């Protein structure tokens, strides 16, 4: 079934279309969510919630605004960040194992290879180094623009402008 038809059936609440899209995109969504949350069980819950949110809000998707995958990826990223900032998650995270911190510290240095689940890493790698680092912080690690500004030690306005320019370059490559 062609993707566009599948998405239209999904918007019409067709369970078969939901199942096909879920099978197509679940691993990619899980990878993005896990890169932000760093807890496999919670990442699985959030990834499943993403598909439920997409199902419940399917009418808000418009092909004119972008691809379906980009739409659901944004839902996933926002859901993961919301979970990360929730009181419940923060309370649970107070007593983390030291091994997790070693992994987190290591991951802040390099663009995580697990993000290649959706094939975007190859395109990101073609961008300038400052774009790679910024996209890594904002989209793969879930930093806010303010947090990225502080971590990269550059003004917030520069982060916003650079983000817009880097995404524009990425869109041009993907078109």
Protein backbone atom coordinates (compact mmCIF):
# COMPACT_ATOMS: atom_id res chain seq x y z
CA UNK A 1 0.00 0.00 0.00
CA UNK A 2 1.42 3.40 -0.96
CA UNK A 3 2.42 5.57 2.01
CA UNK A 4 0.10 8.45 1.11
CA UNK A 5 -2.90 6.11 0.93
CA UNK A 6 -1.82 4.47 4.16
CA UNK A 7 -1.67 7.84 5.91
CA UNK A 8 -5.10 8.81 4.56
CA UNK A 9 -6.57 5.56 5.88
CA UNK A 10 -4.80 6.20 9.20
CA UNK A 11 -6.48 9.62 9.37
CA UNK A 12 -9.82 7.84 8.74
CA UNK A 13 -9.08 5.63 11.79
CA UNK A 14 -8.35 2.46 9.83
CA UNK A 15 -6.82 -0.05 12.29
CA UNK A 16 -4.94 -1.90 9.53
CA UNK A 17 -3.25 1.35 8.45
CA UNK A 18 -2.36 2.08 12.08
CA UNK A 19 -0.74 -1.35 12.39
CA UNK A 20 1.27 -0.93 9.18
CA UNK A 21 2.53 2.55 10.14
CA UNK A 22 3.31 1.34 13.65
CA UNK A 23 5.39 -1.53 12.24
CA UNK A 24 7.12 0.81 9.78
CA UNK A 25 8.11 3.50 12.26
CA UNK A 26 8.14 2.01 15.77
CA UNK A 27 11.88 1.21 15.89
CA UNK A 28 12.82 4.66 14.61
CA UNK A 29 10.53 6.39 17.09
CA UNK A 30 11.84 4.20 19.92
CA UNK A 31 15.43 5.09 18.97
CA UNK A 32 14.75 8.82 19.08
CA UNK A 33 12.86 8.58 22.37
CA UNK A 34 15.56 6.39 23.94
CA UNK A 35 18.27 8.88 22.95
CA UNK A 36 16.48 11.48 25.04
CA UNK A 37 15.21 9.40 27.98
CA UNK A 38 17.98 6.79 28.37
CA UNK A 39 15.69 4.21 29.98
CA UNK A 40 14.55 1.42 27.68
CA UNK A 41 11.33 0.55 29.54
CA UNK A 42 10.18 4.15 29.79
CA UNK A 43 11.23 4.78 26.17
CA UNK A 44 9.01 1.88 25.07
CA UNK A 45 6.06 3.33 26.99
CA UNK A 46 6.58 6.78 25.50
CA UNK A 47 7.00 5.36 21.97
CA UNK A 48 3.69 3.54 22.30
CA UNK A 49 2.05 6.70 23.67
CA UNK A 50 3.36 8.57 20.62
CA UNK A 51 1.35 6.33 18.31
CA UNK A 52 -1.75 6.75 20.46
CA UNK A 53 -1.31 10.55 20.35
CA UNK A 54 -0.81 10.39 16.59
CA UNK A 55 -3.95 8.26 16.25
CA UNK A 56 -6.02 10.61 18.41
CA UNK A 57 -4.70 13.71 16.61
CA UNK A 58 -4.48 12.28 13.10
CA UNK A 59 -6.80 14.97 11.77
CA UNK A 60 -4.15 17.60 12.56
CA UNK A 61 -1.67 16.06 10.11
CA UNK A 62 -1.44 17.80 6.76
CA UNK A 63 0.74 16.67 3.87
CA UNK A 64 1.19 20.38 3.04
CA UNK A 65 3.10 20.91 6.29
CA UNK A 66 5.54 18.04 5.77
CA UNK A 67 6.00 14.31 5.64
CA UNK A 68 4.09 11.99 7.97
CA UNK A 69 7.31 10.64 9.45
CA UNK A 70 8.48 14.15 10.34
CA UNK A 71 5.13 14.85 11.99
CA UNK A 72 5.21 11.71 14.13
CA UNK A 73 8.91 12.24 14.88
CA UNK A 74 8.09 15.68 16.31
CA UNK A 75 5.36 14.14 18.45
CA UNK A 76 7.91 11.60 19.71
CA UNK A 77 10.57 14.19 20.45
CA UNK A 78 8.11 16.40 22.33
CA UNK A 79 6.67 13.45 24.28
CA UNK A 80 10.17 12.32 25.29
CA UNK A 81 11.13 15.81 26.44
CA UNK A 82 7.85 16.13 28.36
CA UNK A 83 8.54 12.80 30.07
CA UNK A 84 12.13 13.80 30.84
CA UNK A 85 10.92 17.00 32.50
CA UNK A 86 8.07 15.35 34.43
CA UNK A 87 8.18 15.20 38.22
CA UNK A 88 7.67 11.43 38.11
CA UNK A 89 10.74 10.93 35.90
CA UNK A 90 12.90 13.34 37.92
CA UNK A 91 11.97 11.57 41.15
CA UNK A 92 12.85 8.18 39.64
CA UNK A 93 16.15 9.52 38.29
CA UNK A 94 17.50 10.70 41.63
CA UNK A 95 19.16 7.36 42.37
CA UNK A 96 20.61 6.44 38.99
CA UNK A 97 23.42 3.95 38.57
CA UNK A 98 26.86 5.55 37.93
CA UNK A 99 27.20 3.55 34.68
CA UNK A 100 24.34 5.57 33.18
CA UNK A 101 26.17 8.82 33.89
CA UNK A 102 29.29 7.56 32.15
CA UNK A 103 27.17 6.77 29.08
CA UNK A 104 25.44 10.17 29.19
CA UNK A 105 28.74 12.05 29.50
CA UNK A 106 30.17 10.08 26.61
CA UNK A 107 27.13 10.72 24.44
CA UNK A 108 27.29 14.48 24.89
CA UNK A 109 30.63 14.46 23.10
CA UNK A 110 29.70 12.47 19.99
CA UNK A 111 26.68 12.29 17.72
CA UNK A 112 25.14 9.02 18.85
CA UNK A 113 25.27 6.27 16.21
CA UNK A 114 21.87 4.98 17.34
CA UNK A 115 20.25 7.99 15.73
CA UNK A 116 20.98 6.41 12.36
CA UNK A 117 17.93 4.19 12.82
CA UNK A 118 16.01 6.52 10.51
CA UNK A 119 18.95 7.22 8.18
CA UNK A 120 19.19 10.90 9.07
CA UNK A 121 22.73 10.66 10.47
CA UNK A 122 24.19 10.44 6.97
CA UNK A 123 22.59 13.77 6.06
CA UNK A 124 23.52 15.40 9.38
CA UNK A 125 27.14 14.29 8.87
CA UNK A 126 27.27 16.35 5.67
CA UNK A 127 26.48 19.54 7.58
CA UNK A 128 29.10 21.91 9.03
CA UNK A 129 30.50 20.91 12.43
CA UNK A 130 28.63 23.68 14.25
CA UNK A 131 25.36 22.41 12.73
CA UNK A 132 26.11 18.79 13.64
CA UNK A 133 26.76 19.71 17.24
CA UNK A 134 23.68 21.94 17.51
CA UNK A 135 21.32 19.40 15.90
CA UNK A 136 22.75 16.71 18.16
CA UNK A 137 21.97 18.76 21.26
CA UNK A 138 18.54 20.04 20.19
CA UNK A 139 17.04 17.05 18.38
CA UNK A 140 18.86 13.90 19.44
CA UNK A 141 19.55 14.73 23.08
CA UNK A 142 16.47 16.85 23.77
CA UNK A 143 18.16 20.04 24.97
CA UNK A 144 16.18 23.25 24.92
CA UNK A 145 17.67 26.12 22.94
CA UNK A 146 18.63 27.80 26.23
CA UNK A 147 20.36 24.63 27.49
CA UNK A 148 22.21 24.25 24.18
CA UNK A 149 23.26 27.90 24.39
CA UNK A 150 24.72 27.34 27.85
CA UNK A 151 26.41 24.03 26.96
CA UNK A 152 27.90 25.34 23.71
CA UNK A 153 28.72 28.71 25.32
CA UNK A 154 27.14 30.74 22.52
CA UNK A 155 24.38 33.38 22.72
CA UNK A 156 20.78 32.19 22.62
CA UNK A 157 20.09 34.31 19.53
CA UNK A 158 22.97 32.58 17.73
CA UNK A 159 21.54 29.18 18.66
CA UNK A 160 18.14 30.16 17.24
CA UNK A 161 19.57 31.56 14.01
CA UNK A 162 22.00 28.70 13.53
CA UNK A 163 19.25 26.15 14.21
CA UNK A 164 17.01 27.74 11.57
CA UNK A 165 19.87 27.84 9.03
CA UNK A 166 21.02 24.29 9.77
CA UNK A 167 17.49 22.89 9.42
CA UNK A 168 17.10 24.79 6.18
CA UNK A 169 20.31 23.18 4.89
CA UNK A 170 19.07 19.77 6.02
CA UNK A 171 15.70 20.28 4.30
CA UNK A 172 17.51 21.22 1.08
CA UNK A 173 19.50 17.95 1.24
CA UNK A 174 16.37 15.89 1.89
CA UNK A 175 14.33 17.49 -0.91
